[in-house]
């Protein structure tokens, strides 16, 4: 999983609304609302960053305690983004 470099699908419309980000997939007309941490993960899905890169960014940005299994959380976020049709993973 560490060498995966997730990539946002083209054509996805992203808008920030308050503290959340909304993603609209015109292909299947679906809307996905992301909280702040999921938005950070989404923002790093550029085809260049790996899971460890994303993890380091979240640890720094969110001051995550060591006891939290970030890789598992990131995996769940990536799985949901992929399932929603907005991400290649």
N, C-alpha and C. Protein backbone atom coordinates (compact mmCIF):
# COMPACT_ATOMS: atom_id res chain seq x y z
N UNK A 1 0.82 -1.20 0.00
CA UNK A 1 0.00 0.00 0.00
C UNK A 1 0.86 1.26 0.00
N UNK A 2 2.08 1.18 0.51
CA UNK A 2 2.93 2.36 0.66
C UNK A 2 3.33 2.97 -0.68
N UNK A 3 3.42 2.19 -1.74
CA UNK A 3 3.85 2.74 -3.02
C UNK A 3 2.70 3.26 -3.87
N UNK A 4 1.48 3.12 -3.40
CA UNK A 4 0.32 3.64 -4.13
C UNK A 4 0.41 5.15 -4.15
N UNK A 5 0.17 5.72 -5.33
CA UNK A 5 0.15 7.18 -5.49
C UNK A 5 -1.22 7.57 -6.05
N UNK A 6 -2.19 7.79 -5.15
CA UNK A 6 -3.56 8.07 -5.57
C UNK A 6 -3.64 9.31 -6.46
N UNK A 7 -4.58 9.28 -7.40
CA UNK A 7 -4.74 10.37 -8.37
C UNK A 7 -6.21 10.74 -8.50
N UNK A 8 -6.49 12.04 -8.35
CA UNK A 8 -7.84 12.54 -8.55
C UNK A 8 -8.24 12.34 -10.02
N UNK A 9 -9.49 11.93 -10.24
CA UNK A 9 -9.99 11.84 -11.60
C UNK A 9 -10.23 13.25 -12.13
N UNK A 10 -9.99 13.44 -13.40
CA UNK A 10 -10.23 14.76 -13.99
C UNK A 10 -11.73 14.99 -14.09
N UNK A 11 -12.11 16.24 -14.08
CA UNK A 11 -13.52 16.60 -14.22
C UNK A 11 -14.27 16.68 -12.91
N UNK A 12 -13.63 16.31 -11.80
CA UNK A 12 -14.29 16.38 -10.49
C UNK A 12 -14.28 17.84 -10.04
N UNK A 13 -15.44 18.32 -9.62
CA UNK A 13 -15.56 19.70 -9.17
C UNK A 13 -15.46 19.73 -7.65
N UNK A 14 -14.53 20.53 -7.14
CA UNK A 14 -14.29 20.63 -5.71
C UNK A 14 -14.60 22.05 -5.24
N UNK A 15 -15.41 22.16 -4.19
CA UNK A 15 -15.75 23.46 -3.62
C UNK A 15 -15.63 23.38 -2.11
N UNK A 16 -15.10 24.44 -1.50
CA UNK A 16 -15.01 24.52 -0.05
C UNK A 16 -16.25 25.25 0.45
N UNK A 17 -16.93 24.61 1.41
CA UNK A 17 -18.13 25.20 2.00
C UNK A 17 -17.94 25.18 3.51
N UNK A 18 -17.66 26.33 4.08
CA UNK A 18 -17.36 26.39 5.51
C UNK A 18 -16.11 25.59 5.82
N UNK A 19 -16.23 24.60 6.69
CA UNK A 19 -15.09 23.76 7.06
C UNK A 19 -15.02 22.47 6.25
N UNK A 20 -15.98 22.28 5.37
CA UNK A 20 -16.02 21.04 4.60
C UNK A 20 -15.77 21.31 3.12
N UNK A 21 -15.35 20.28 2.43
CA UNK A 21 -15.18 20.35 0.98
C UNK A 21 -16.24 19.47 0.35
N UNK A 22 -16.78 19.94 -0.74
CA UNK A 22 -17.75 19.17 -1.49
C UNK A 22 -17.11 18.77 -2.81
N UNK A 23 -17.25 17.49 -3.14
CA UNK A 23 -16.78 17.00 -4.43
C UNK A 23 -18.00 16.59 -5.24
N UNK A 24 -18.05 17.06 -6.47
CA UNK A 24 -19.15 16.68 -7.36
C UNK A 24 -18.57 15.92 -8.53
N UNK A 25 -19.10 14.73 -8.77
CA UNK A 25 -18.68 13.90 -9.89
C UNK A 25 -19.76 13.98 -10.97
N UNK A 26 -19.53 14.77 -12.03
CA UNK A 26 -20.55 14.92 -13.06
C UNK A 26 -20.82 13.62 -13.84
N UNK A 27 -19.87 12.70 -13.78
CA UNK A 27 -20.02 11.43 -14.49
C UNK A 27 -21.20 10.62 -13.94
N UNK A 28 -21.30 10.53 -12.61
CA UNK A 28 -22.40 9.79 -12.02
C UNK A 28 -23.33 10.68 -11.18
N UNK A 29 -23.13 11.99 -11.30
CA UNK A 29 -23.94 13.00 -10.63
C UNK A 29 -24.00 12.81 -9.11
N UNK A 30 -22.88 12.41 -8.53
CA UNK A 30 -22.83 12.20 -7.09
C UNK A 30 -22.09 13.33 -6.40
N UNK A 31 -22.46 13.55 -5.15
CA UNK A 31 -21.84 14.57 -4.31
C UNK A 31 -21.25 13.87 -3.10
N UNK A 32 -20.04 14.26 -2.75
CA UNK A 32 -19.36 13.70 -1.59
C UNK A 32 -18.88 14.87 -0.74
N UNK A 33 -19.19 14.85 0.55
CA UNK A 33 -18.76 15.91 1.46
C UNK A 33 -17.61 15.38 2.31
N UNK A 34 -16.52 16.14 2.33
CA UNK A 34 -15.32 15.74 3.06
C UNK A 34 -15.11 16.61 4.28
N UNK A 35 -14.73 15.99 5.39
CA UNK A 35 -14.33 16.79 6.54
C UNK A 35 -12.90 17.29 6.30
N UNK A 36 -12.35 18.01 7.25
CA UNK A 36 -11.04 18.65 7.06
C UNK A 36 -9.92 17.65 6.79
N UNK A 37 -9.88 16.55 7.54
CA UNK A 37 -8.80 15.59 7.34
C UNK A 37 -8.95 14.85 6.01
N UNK A 38 -10.17 14.50 5.63
CA UNK A 38 -10.37 13.86 4.33
C UNK A 38 -10.03 14.82 3.20
N UNK A 39 -10.29 16.11 3.40
CA UNK A 39 -9.93 17.11 2.39
C UNK A 39 -8.41 17.21 2.23
N UNK A 40 -7.67 17.08 3.33
CA UNK A 40 -6.20 17.08 3.25
C UNK A 40 -5.72 15.87 2.44
N UNK A 41 -6.33 14.72 2.70
CA UNK A 41 -5.97 13.52 1.93
C UNK A 41 -6.29 13.75 0.46
N UNK A 42 -7.49 14.23 0.15
CA UNK A 42 -7.91 14.51 -1.22
C UNK A 42 -6.92 15.45 -1.91
N UNK A 43 -6.51 16.48 -1.20
CA UNK A 43 -5.60 17.47 -1.77
C UNK A 43 -4.24 16.91 -2.15
N UNK A 44 -3.84 15.83 -1.50
CA UNK A 44 -2.54 15.22 -1.81
C UNK A 44 -2.64 14.10 -2.84
N UNK A 45 -3.83 13.84 -3.33
CA UNK A 45 -4.02 12.78 -4.33
C UNK A 45 -3.74 13.35 -5.73
N UNK A 46 -2.46 13.56 -5.98
CA UNK A 46 -2.04 14.18 -7.24
C UNK A 46 -1.19 13.23 -8.10
N UNK A 47 -1.14 11.96 -7.70
CA UNK A 47 -0.36 10.99 -8.46
C UNK A 47 1.12 11.00 -8.13
N UNK A 48 1.54 11.87 -7.23
CA UNK A 48 2.95 11.95 -6.84
C UNK A 48 3.18 11.54 -5.40
N UNK A 49 2.18 11.73 -4.54
CA UNK A 49 2.33 11.44 -3.12
C UNK A 49 1.90 10.01 -2.80
N UNK A 50 2.67 9.37 -1.93
CA UNK A 50 2.37 8.02 -1.48
C UNK A 50 1.60 8.09 -0.16
N UNK A 51 1.15 6.94 0.31
CA UNK A 51 0.46 6.87 1.61
C UNK A 51 1.35 7.42 2.73
N UNK A 52 2.64 7.04 2.80
CA UNK A 52 3.49 7.62 3.85
C UNK A 52 3.61 9.16 3.75
N UNK A 53 3.64 9.69 2.52
CA UNK A 53 3.66 11.15 2.35
C UNK A 53 2.40 11.78 2.94
N UNK A 54 1.27 11.18 2.62
CA UNK A 54 -0.02 11.69 3.11
C UNK A 54 -0.06 11.59 4.63
N UNK A 55 0.42 10.48 5.17
CA UNK A 55 0.45 10.27 6.62
C UNK A 55 1.28 11.35 7.30
N UNK A 56 2.47 11.62 6.78
CA UNK A 56 3.33 12.66 7.38
C UNK A 56 2.64 14.02 7.35
N UNK A 57 1.98 14.33 6.26
CA UNK A 57 1.27 15.61 6.15
C UNK A 57 0.15 15.71 7.19
N UNK A 58 -0.62 14.65 7.34
CA UNK A 58 -1.69 14.65 8.34
C UNK A 58 -1.14 14.76 9.76
N UNK A 59 -0.07 14.05 10.04
CA UNK A 59 0.54 14.11 11.38
C UNK A 59 0.95 15.53 11.71
N UNK A 60 1.51 16.22 10.73
CA UNK A 60 1.97 17.59 10.95
C UNK A 60 0.79 18.56 11.04
N UNK A 61 -0.14 18.46 10.10
CA UNK A 61 -1.25 19.41 10.02
C UNK A 61 -2.25 19.25 11.16
N UNK A 62 -2.45 18.02 11.61
CA UNK A 62 -3.50 17.75 12.59
C UNK A 62 -2.99 17.40 13.98
N UNK A 63 -1.67 17.37 14.18
CA UNK A 63 -1.07 17.00 15.46
C UNK A 63 -1.68 15.71 15.99
N UNK A 64 -1.57 14.66 15.20
CA UNK A 64 -2.17 13.36 15.52
C UNK A 64 -1.30 12.61 16.51
N UNK A 65 -1.91 12.08 17.59
CA UNK A 65 -1.14 11.27 18.54
C UNK A 65 -0.62 9.99 17.90
N UNK A 66 0.50 9.48 18.40
CA UNK A 66 1.11 8.27 17.85
C UNK A 66 0.20 7.06 17.91
N UNK A 67 -0.69 7.01 18.88
CA UNK A 67 -1.56 5.84 19.06
C UNK A 67 -2.59 5.69 17.94
N UNK A 68 -2.83 6.74 17.19
CA UNK A 68 -3.82 6.69 16.10
C UNK A 68 -3.22 5.98 14.90
N UNK A 69 -3.95 5.03 14.36
CA UNK A 69 -3.50 4.28 13.18
C UNK A 69 -3.90 5.06 11.92
N UNK A 70 -3.07 6.02 11.55
CA UNK A 70 -3.39 6.88 10.41
C UNK A 70 -3.44 6.13 9.10
N UNK A 71 -2.56 5.16 8.91
CA UNK A 71 -2.56 4.43 7.63
C UNK A 71 -3.89 3.75 7.39
N UNK A 72 -4.48 3.21 8.43
CA UNK A 72 -5.79 2.58 8.32
C UNK A 72 -6.85 3.62 7.97
N UNK A 73 -6.82 4.75 8.66
CA UNK A 73 -7.78 5.83 8.39
C UNK A 73 -7.63 6.36 6.97
N UNK A 74 -6.39 6.57 6.54
CA UNK A 74 -6.13 7.04 5.18
C UNK A 74 -6.63 6.02 4.17
N UNK A 75 -6.40 4.74 4.45
CA UNK A 75 -6.88 3.68 3.57
C UNK A 75 -8.39 3.71 3.42
N UNK A 76 -9.10 3.95 4.52
CA UNK A 76 -10.56 4.03 4.47
C UNK A 76 -11.01 5.23 3.64
N UNK A 77 -10.34 6.36 3.81
CA UNK A 77 -10.69 7.56 3.04
C UNK A 77 -10.46 7.30 1.56
N UNK A 78 -9.31 6.73 1.22
CA UNK A 78 -8.99 6.45 -0.19
C UNK A 78 -9.99 5.45 -0.78
N UNK A 79 -10.37 4.47 0.02
CA UNK A 79 -11.33 3.47 -0.45
C UNK A 79 -12.68 4.15 -0.75
N UNK A 80 -13.12 5.04 0.12
CA UNK A 80 -14.39 5.73 -0.08
C UNK A 80 -14.32 6.66 -1.30
N UNK A 81 -13.21 7.36 -1.47
CA UNK A 81 -13.04 8.24 -2.62
C UNK A 81 -13.04 7.44 -3.93
N UNK A 82 -12.39 6.29 -3.90
CA UNK A 82 -12.34 5.41 -5.08
C UNK A 82 -13.74 4.87 -5.37
N UNK A 83 -14.41 4.40 -4.33
CA UNK A 83 -15.77 3.84 -4.48
C UNK A 83 -16.74 4.90 -5.02
N UNK A 84 -16.53 6.17 -4.64
CA UNK A 84 -17.39 7.26 -5.09
C UNK A 84 -17.07 7.71 -6.51
N UNK A 85 -16.01 7.17 -7.09
CA UNK A 85 -15.68 7.48 -8.46
C UNK A 85 -14.93 8.77 -8.69
N UNK A 86 -14.28 9.29 -7.64
CA UNK A 86 -13.55 10.55 -7.81
C UNK A 86 -12.03 10.37 -7.79
N UNK A 87 -11.58 9.13 -7.60
CA UNK A 87 -10.15 8.88 -7.39
C UNK A 87 -9.72 7.57 -8.06
N UNK A 88 -8.53 7.62 -8.64
CA UNK A 88 -7.84 6.39 -9.10
C UNK A 88 -6.88 5.99 -7.99
N UNK A 89 -6.92 4.74 -7.58
CA UNK A 89 -6.05 4.31 -6.49
C UNK A 89 -5.43 2.97 -6.83
